[in-house]
C-alpha atoms as a PDB file:
ATOM      1  CA  MET A   1     -73.654  49.768  -6.564  1.00  0.00           C
ATOM      2  CA  GLY A   2     -72.482  51.960  -9.451  1.00  0.00           C
ATOM      3  CA  MET A   3     -72.211  55.541  -9.164  1.00  0.00           C
ATOM      4  CA  THR A   4     -73.452  58.338 -11.829  1.00  0.00           C
ATOM      5  CA  GLY A   5     -71.972  61.494 -12.696  1.00  0.00           C
ATOM      6  CA  PRO A   6     -73.779  64.762 -12.564  1.00  0.00           C
ATOM      7  CA  GLN A   7     -76.930  65.077 -14.970  1.00  0.00           C
ATOM      8  CA  PRO A   8     -76.913  67.310 -17.611  1.00  0.00           C
ATOM      9  CA  LYS A   9     -79.160  70.242 -16.634  1.00  0.00           C
ATOM     10  CA  LYS A  10     -82.113  70.501 -18.925  1.00  0.00           C
ATOM     11  CA  ARG A  11     -82.243  73.692 -20.987  1.00  0.00           C
ATOM     12  CA  ALA A  12     -85.123  76.103 -19.997  1.00  0.00           C
ATOM     13  CA  LEU A  13     -87.867  76.221 -22.417  1.00  0.00           C
ATOM     14  CA  TRP A  14     -88.009  79.937 -23.311  1.00  0.00           C
ATOM     15  CA  MET A  15     -84.531  79.683 -24.335  1.00  0.00           C
ATOM     16  CA  THR A  16     -84.916  76.527 -26.448  1.00  0.00           C
ATOM     17  CA  GLY A  17     -87.927  78.582 -28.139  1.00  0.00           C
ATOM     18  CA  GLY A  18     -85.973  81.391 -28.483  1.00  0.00           C
ATOM     19  CA  ILE A  19     -82.975  79.955 -29.924  1.00  0.00           C
ATOM     20  CA  THR A  20     -85.526  78.156 -32.471  1.00  0.00           C
ATOM     21  CA  ILE A  21     -87.389  80.999 -33.595  1.00  0.00           C
ATOM     22  CA  LEU A  22     -84.357  83.177 -33.878  1.00  0.00           C
ATOM     23  CA  SER A  23     -82.999  80.287 -35.874  1.00  0.00           C
ATOM     24  CA  PHE A  24     -86.153  80.385 -38.396  1.00  0.00           C
ATOM     25  CA  VAL A  25     -86.093  83.994 -38.890  1.00  0.00           C
ATOM     26  CA  GLY A  26     -82.685  83.772 -39.439  1.00  0.00           C
ATOM     27  CA  LEU A  27     -83.163  81.019 -42.137  1.00  0.00           C
ATOM     28  CA  LEU A  28     -85.697  83.450 -43.680  1.00  0.00           C
ATOM     29  CA  TYR A  29     -82.880  86.370 -44.190  1.00  0.00           C
ATOM     30  CA  VAL A  30     -80.569  83.525 -45.733  1.00  0.00           C
ATOM     31  CA  VAL A  31     -82.961  82.822 -48.280  1.00  0.00           C
ATOM     32  CA  GLU A  32     -83.704  86.070 -49.171  1.00  0.00           C
ATOM     33  CA  ALA A  33     -80.007  87.270 -49.714  1.00  0.00           C
ATOM     34  CA  VAL A  34     -80.140  83.992 -51.927  1.00  0.00           C
ATOM     35  CA  ASN A  35     -83.036  85.170 -53.846  1.00  0.00           C
ATOM     36  CA  GLN A  36     -81.994  88.483 -54.054  1.00  0.00           C
ATOM     37  CA  ALA A  37     -78.694  87.274 -55.418  1.00  0.00           C
ATOM     38  CA  THR A  38     -80.299  85.164 -57.891  1.00  0.00           C
ATOM     39  CA  GLY A  39     -82.607  87.983 -59.400  1.00  0.00           C
ATOM     40  CA  ASP A  40     -85.823  86.577 -57.621  1.00  0.00           C
ATOM     41  CA  ARG A  41     -85.644  83.174 -59.171  1.00  0.00           C
ATOM     42  CA  LEU A  42     -86.494  81.395 -55.921  1.00  0.00           C
ATOM     43  CA  ASP A  43     -89.610  83.362 -55.676  1.00  0.00           C
ATOM     44  CA  TYR A  44     -90.923  82.225 -58.974  1.00  0.00           C
ATOM     45  CA  ARG A  45     -89.768  78.724 -58.691  1.00  0.00           C
ATOM     46  CA  GLY A  46     -90.918  78.183 -55.064  1.00  0.00           C
ATOM     47  CA  GLY A  47     -94.428  80.180 -55.091  1.00  0.00           C
ATOM     48  CA  ILE A  48     -97.939  79.173 -54.780  1.00  0.00           C
ATOM     49  CA  ARG A  49     -99.451  79.290 -58.069  1.00  0.00           C
ATOM     50  CA  PRO A  50    -103.047  78.081 -57.088  1.00  0.00           C
ATOM     51  CA  LEU A  51    -104.573  74.959 -59.213  1.00  0.00           C
ATOM     52  CA  GLN A  52    -101.462  74.503 -61.217  1.00  0.00           C
ATOM     53  CA  THR A  53     -99.853  71.213 -60.693  1.00  0.00           C
ATOM     54  CA  ASP A  54     -96.357  72.798 -60.286  1.00  0.00           C
ATOM     55  CA  GLY A  55     -97.501  75.375 -57.601  1.00  0.00           C
ATOM     56  CA  LEU A  56     -98.415  72.485 -55.419  1.00  0.00           C
ATOM     57  CA  TRP A  57     -94.087  72.796 -54.269  1.00  0.00           C
ATOM     58  CA  GLY A  58     -94.820  76.188 -53.232  1.00  0.00           C
ATOM     59  CA  ILE A  59     -96.890  74.880 -50.387  1.00  0.00           C
ATOM     60  CA  LEU A  60     -93.563  73.612 -49.087  1.00  0.00           C
ATOM     61  CA  PHE A  61     -91.405  76.566 -49.845  1.00  0.00           C
ATOM     62  CA  ALA A  62     -93.427  79.763 -50.408  1.00  0.00           C
ATOM     63  CA  PRO A  63     -93.646  80.491 -46.291  1.00  0.00           C
ATOM     64  CA  LEU A  64     -89.722  80.775 -46.657  1.00  0.00           C
ATOM     65  CA  LEU A  65     -89.602  83.425 -49.621  1.00  0.00           C
ATOM     66  CA  HIS A  66     -90.455  86.979 -49.874  1.00  0.00           C
ATOM     67  CA  ALA A  67     -90.859  89.534 -52.439  1.00  0.00           C
ATOM     68  CA  ASP A  68     -88.106  91.818 -51.223  1.00  0.00           C
ATOM     69  CA  TRP A  69     -86.450  93.088 -47.882  1.00  0.00           C
ATOM     70  CA  GLN A  70     -89.320  95.351 -47.086  1.00  0.00           C
ATOM     71  CA  HIS A  71     -91.861  92.235 -47.093  1.00  0.00           C
ATOM     72  CA  LEU A  72     -89.528  90.358 -45.004  1.00  0.00           C
ATOM     73  CA  ILE A  73     -88.868  93.214 -42.300  1.00  0.00           C
ATOM     74  CA  SER A  74     -92.591  93.618 -42.247  1.00  0.00           C
ATOM     75  CA  ASN A  75     -93.177  89.712 -41.083  1.00  0.00           C
ATOM     76  CA  THR A  76     -89.944  89.583 -38.851  1.00  0.00           C
ATOM     77  CA  VAL A  77     -91.493  90.911 -35.318  1.00  0.00           C
ATOM     78  CA  PRO A  78     -94.616  89.452 -35.826  1.00  0.00           C
ATOM     79  CA  ALA A  79     -92.854  86.234 -36.370  1.00  0.00           C
ATOM     80  CA  LEU A  80     -90.270  86.496 -33.337  1.00  0.00           C
ATOM     81  CA  VAL A  81     -93.163  87.520 -30.893  1.00  0.00           C
ATOM     82  CA  LEU A  82     -96.181  84.936 -32.164  1.00  0.00           C
ATOM     83  CA  GLY A  83     -93.525  82.308 -32.828  1.00  0.00           C
ATOM     84  CA  PHE A  84     -91.755  82.193 -29.557  1.00  0.00           C
ATOM     85  CA  LEU A  85     -95.487  82.632 -28.086  1.00  0.00           C
ATOM     86  CA  MET A  86     -96.242  79.529 -29.561  1.00  0.00           C
ATOM     87  CA  THR A  87     -92.942  77.541 -28.396  1.00  0.00           C
ATOM     88  CA  LEU A  88     -94.138  78.302 -24.792  1.00  0.00           C
ATOM     89  CA  LEU A  89     -97.161  76.057 -24.878  1.00  0.00           C
ATOM     90  CA  GLY A  90     -94.354  73.201 -25.626  1.00  0.00           C
ATOM     91  CA  MET A  91     -91.941  72.520 -28.473  1.00  0.00           C
ATOM     92  CA  SER A  92     -93.885  69.300 -29.555  1.00  0.00           C
ATOM     93  CA  ARG A  93     -97.024  71.492 -29.678  1.00  0.00           C
ATOM     94  CA  PHE A  94     -95.208  74.209 -31.542  1.00  0.00           C
ATOM     95  CA  ILE A  95     -93.948  71.886 -34.168  1.00  0.00           C
ATOM     96  CA  PHE A  96     -97.254  69.752 -34.916  1.00  0.00           C
ATOM     97  CA  ALA A  97     -99.082  73.529 -35.159  1.00  0.00           C
ATOM     98  CA  SER A  98     -96.671  75.047 -37.422  1.00  0.00           C
ATOM     99  CA  VAL A  99     -96.379  72.020 -39.498  1.00  0.00           C
ATOM    100  CA  PHE A 100    -100.053  71.814 -39.807  1.00  0.00           C
ATOM    101  CA  ILE A 101    -100.495  75.074 -40.346  1.00  0.00           C
ATOM    102  CA  TRP A 102     -97.863  75.128 -43.157  1.00  0.00           C
ATOM    103  CA  ILE A 103     -99.147  72.567 -44.732  1.00  0.00           C
ATOM    104  CA  ALA A 104    -103.005  72.770 -44.351  1.00  0.00           C
ATOM    105  CA  GLY A 105    -102.926  76.494 -44.850  1.00  0.00           C
ATOM    106  CA  GLY A 106    -100.698  76.527 -47.908  1.00  0.00           C
ATOM    107  CA  PHE A 107    -102.750  73.713 -49.528  1.00  0.00           C
ATOM    108  CA  GLY A 108    -106.082  75.854 -48.939  1.00  0.00           C
ATOM    109  CA  THR A 109    -104.212  78.676 -50.498  1.00  0.00           C
ATOM    110  CA  TRP A 110    -103.131  76.438 -53.656  1.00  0.00           C
ATOM    111  CA  LEU A 111    -107.178  75.544 -53.489  1.00  0.00           C
ATOM    112  CA  ILE A 112    -108.763  79.303 -53.568  1.00  0.00           C
ATOM    113  CA  GLY A 113    -105.423  81.470 -54.454  1.00  0.00           C
ATOM    114  CA  ARG A 114    -107.348  82.567 -57.397  1.00  0.00           C
ATOM    115  CA  VAL A 115    -110.547  83.919 -55.871  1.00  0.00           C
ATOM    116  CA  GLY A 116    -111.209  87.355 -56.061  1.00  0.00           C
ATOM    117  CA  ASN A 117    -107.978  88.157 -57.816  1.00  0.00           C
ATOM    118  CA  THR A 118    -108.600  91.675 -59.686  1.00  0.00           C
ATOM    119  CA  CYS A 119    -104.532  92.042 -60.316  1.00  0.00           C
ATOM    120  CA  GLY A 120    -104.725  90.051 -63.505  1.00  0.00           C
ATOM    121  CA  GLY A 121    -102.286  87.359 -64.752  1.00  0.00           C
ATOM    122  CA  GLU A 122    -101.246  84.270 -62.570  1.00  0.00           C
ATOM    123  CA  PRO A 123    -101.091  84.622 -58.565  1.00  0.00           C
ATOM    124  CA  ASN A 124     -97.751  83.556 -57.557  1.00  0.00           C
ATOM    125  CA  ILE A 125     -98.302  83.726 -53.593  1.00  0.00           C
ATOM    126  CA  ILE A 126     -95.331  83.608 -51.341  1.00  0.00           C
ATOM    127  CA  GLY A 127     -94.404  84.935 -47.682  1.00  0.00           C
ATOM    128  CA  ALA A 128     -94.657  83.696 -44.152  1.00  0.00           C
ATOM    129  CA  SER A 129     -97.521  85.714 -43.542  1.00  0.00           C
ATOM    130  CA  GLY A 130    -100.077  82.893 -43.291  1.00  0.00           C
ATOM    131  CA  LEU A 131     -98.205  80.730 -41.017  1.00  0.00           C
ATOM    132  CA  ILE A 132     -97.785  83.903 -38.854  1.00  0.00           C
ATOM    133  CA  LEU A 133    -101.754  84.607 -38.830  1.00  0.00           C
ATOM    134  CA  GLY A 134    -102.270  80.685 -38.124  1.00  0.00           C
ATOM    135  CA  TRP A 135     -99.803  81.253 -35.066  1.00  0.00           C
ATOM    136  CA  LEU A 136    -101.963  84.385 -34.215  1.00  0.00           C
ATOM    137  CA  THR A 137    -105.343  82.806 -34.187  1.00  0.00           C
ATOM    138  CA  PHE A 138    -103.651  79.785 -32.424  1.00  0.00           C
ATOM    139  CA  LEU A 139    -102.569  81.588 -29.477  1.00  0.00           C
ATOM    140  CA  LEU A 140    -106.407  83.659 -29.310  1.00  0.00           C
ATOM    141  CA  VAL A 141    -108.395  80.432 -29.008  1.00  0.00           C
ATOM    142  CA  PHE A 142    -106.092  77.778 -27.373  1.00  0.00           C
ATOM    143  CA  GLY A 143    -106.733  79.192 -24.108  1.00  0.00           C
ATOM    144  CA  PHE A 144    -110.316  79.185 -24.124  1.00  0.00           C
ATOM    145  CA  PHE A 145    -110.139  75.520 -25.482  1.00  0.00           C
ATOM    146  CA  THR A 146    -108.195  74.484 -22.363  1.00  0.00           C
ATOM    147  CA  ARG A 147    -109.637  76.931 -19.948  1.00  0.00           C
ATOM    148  CA  THR A 148    -105.870  77.728 -18.528  1.00  0.00           C
ATOM    149  CA  LEU A 149    -105.855  81.120 -17.266  1.00  0.00           C
ATOM    150  CA  TRP A 150    -102.277  82.250 -18.522  1.00  0.00           C
ATOM    151  CA  GLN A 151    -103.164  80.947 -21.760  1.00  0.00           C
ATOM    152  CA  ILE A 152    -106.347  82.890 -22.125  1.00  0.00           C
ATOM    153  CA  ALA A 153    -104.446  85.789 -20.754  1.00  0.00           C
ATOM    154  CA  VAL A 154    -102.034  85.288 -23.717  1.00  0.00           C
ATOM    155  CA  GLY A 155    -104.781  85.059 -26.121  1.00  0.00           C
ATOM    156  CA  ILE A 156    -106.367  88.377 -24.913  1.00  0.00           C
ATOM    157  CA  LEU A 157    -102.733  90.388 -25.280  1.00  0.00           C
ATOM    158  CA  VAL A 158    -102.091  88.874 -28.472  1.00  0.00           C
ATOM    159  CA  LEU A 159    -105.738  90.385 -29.592  1.00  0.00           C
ATOM    160  CA  LEU A 160    -105.034  93.642 -27.923  1.00  0.00           C
ATOM    161  CA  TYR A 161    -101.704  94.039 -29.822  1.00  0.00           C
ATOM    162  CA  TYR A 162    -101.719  92.020 -33.139  1.00  0.00           C
ATOM    163  CA  GLY A 163    -105.853  91.919 -33.789  1.00  0.00           C
ATOM    164  CA  THR A 164    -106.104  94.150 -36.410  1.00  0.00           C
ATOM    165  CA  VAL A 165    -103.798  91.796 -38.565  1.00  0.00           C
ATOM    166  CA  LEU A 166    -106.771  89.493 -38.904  1.00  0.00           C
ATOM    167  CA  PHE A 167    -108.290  92.404 -40.974  1.00  0.00           C
ATOM    168  CA  GLY A 168    -105.553  91.029 -43.536  1.00  0.00           C
ATOM    169  CA  ALA A 169    -107.551  87.654 -43.628  1.00  0.00           C
ATOM    170  CA  LEU A 170    -110.589  89.290 -45.299  1.00  0.00           C
ATOM    171  CA  PRO A 171    -111.384  90.066 -49.047  1.00  0.00           C
ATOM    172  CA  GLN A 172    -109.703  92.721 -50.325  1.00  0.00           C
ATOM    173  CA  VAL A 173    -111.268  95.410 -52.426  1.00  0.00           C
ATOM    174  CA  GLY A 174    -109.199  96.200 -55.750  1.00  0.00           C
ATOM    175  CA  CYS A 175    -105.612  94.951 -56.471  1.00  0.00           C
ATOM    176  CA  THR A 176    -103.291  95.096 -53.284  1.00  0.00           C
ATOM    177  CA  GLY A 177    -100.869  92.952 -54.004  1.00  0.00           C
ATOM    178  CA  ILE A 178    -101.442  90.873 -50.849  1.00  0.00           C
ATOM    179  CA  SER A 179    -103.018  87.429 -50.413  1.00  0.00           C
ATOM    180  CA  TRP A 180    -105.607  87.427 -48.210  1.00  0.00           C
ATOM    181  CA  GLN A 181    -106.642  83.931 -49.411  1.00  0.00           C
ATOM    182  CA  GLY A 182    -103.311  82.546 -48.034  1.00  0.00           C
ATOM    183  CA  HIS A 183    -104.107  84.962 -44.892  1.00  0.00           C
ATOM    184  CA  LEU A 184    -107.097  83.375 -44.068  1.00  0.00           C
ATOM    185  CA  CYS A 185    -106.280  79.991 -45.023  1.00  0.00           C
ATOM    186  CA  GLY A 186    -103.425  80.384 -42.270  1.00  0.00           C
ATOM    187  CA  ALA A 187    -105.756  81.847 -39.462  1.00  0.00           C
ATOM    188  CA  VAL A 188    -108.447  78.733 -40.173  1.00  0.00           C
ATOM    189  CA  ALA A 189    -105.478  76.245 -40.083  1.00  0.00           C
ATOM    190  CA  GLY A 190    -104.453  77.536 -36.461  1.00  0.00           C
ATOM    191  CA  VAL A 191    -107.816  77.369 -35.173  1.00  0.00           C
ATOM    192  CA  PHE A 192    -108.074  74.088 -36.242  1.00  0.00           C
ATOM    193  CA  ALA A 193    -104.466  73.009 -34.769  1.00  0.00           C
ATOM    194  CA  ALA A 194    -105.516  74.808 -31.704  1.00  0.00           C
ATOM    195  CA  TYR A 195    -108.580  72.594 -31.173  1.00  0.00           C
ATOM    196  CA  VAL A 196    -106.769  69.071 -31.779  1.00  0.00           C
ATOM    197  CA  LEU A 197    -103.939  69.978 -29.584  1.00  0.00           C
ATOM    198  CA  SER A 198    -106.130  71.335 -26.801  1.00  0.00           C
ATOM    199  CA  GLY A 199    -107.632  67.877 -27.232  1.00  0.00           C
ATOM    200  CA  PRO A 200    -105.911  66.312 -24.151  1.00  0.00           C
ATOM    201  CA  GLU A 201    -107.118  69.318 -21.666  1.00  0.00           C
ATOM    202  CA  ARG A 202    -110.704  69.209 -23.169  1.00  0.00           C
ATOM    203  CA  LYS A 203    -110.842  65.257 -22.573  1.00  0.00           C
ATOM    204  CA  ALA A 204    -109.165  65.841 -19.139  1.00  0.00           C
ATOM    205  CA  ARG A 205    -112.066  68.165 -18.314  1.00  0.00           C
ATOM    206  CA  GLU A 206    -114.699  66.426 -19.327  1.00  0.00           C
ATOM    207  CA  ARG A 207    -113.872  63.510 -17.326  1.00  0.00           C
ATOM    208  CA  ARG A 208    -113.898  65.756 -14.379  1.00  0.00           C
ATOM    209  CA  LYS A 209    -117.090  66.760 -15.225  1.00  0.00           C
ATOM    210  CA  ALA A 210    -118.310  63.528 -15.615  1.00  0.00           C
ATOM    211  CA  GLY A 211    -116.960  62.787 -11.900  1.00  0.00           C
ATOM    212  CA  GLN A 212    -119.143  65.006 -10.471  1.00  0.00           C
ATOM    213  CA  LEU A 213    -122.346  63.570 -11.671  1.00  0.00           C
ATOM    214  CA  PRO A 214    -124.693  61.734  -9.102  1.00  0.00           C
ATOM    215  CA  GLY A 215    -123.881  58.130  -8.870  1.00  0.00           C
ATOM    216  CA  LEU A 216    -120.311  58.211 -10.317  1.00  0.00           C
ATOM    217  CA  THR A 217    -117.209  58.452  -8.535  1.00  0.00           C
ATOM    218  CA  SER A 218    -113.777  59.956  -9.535  1.00  0.00           C
END
């Protein structure tokens, strides 16, 4: 009978999530440093330009780009906190939700990014805010879809602390320089991703209910 050595200890989810989010935010700072060194060339080439064919590339790159250091700094803490909380739901869910919000939210922004534009010129939308809004709405509703107590508690705490951020997804009056369209599309994508990814729990709940009906057995 063969002998096997000790199995490597699996890294804790919170540690994996923490490293993942820190690495992502670190990447944002590296990208901004390169952008500053090249005279904001990345911002222009990588932004979402609504309804323009060459602006479709911005769906892939815009969340990595920021207008300046202040823009990036304002997104840093929400990205760290909300992104880390997302990873605690499981890395596979975090990855799927983030990719969906990134792509679907970006495509929605490409479609409606000109709506209500009062600043003149062609919008060039950049920043991780859409992704962050998607993480926020995902956390707000996921627990109510799964009916899991601790996830509901996380959603309530997130609402209490970051709920005012949702106002950024509402149409803005005047030229604010902020893409409420990107915020709105990210937020909607987050809710949809939460509904899809809560499917196993919702189906399990339906099966339990069906098993309690007269004439049925579990």
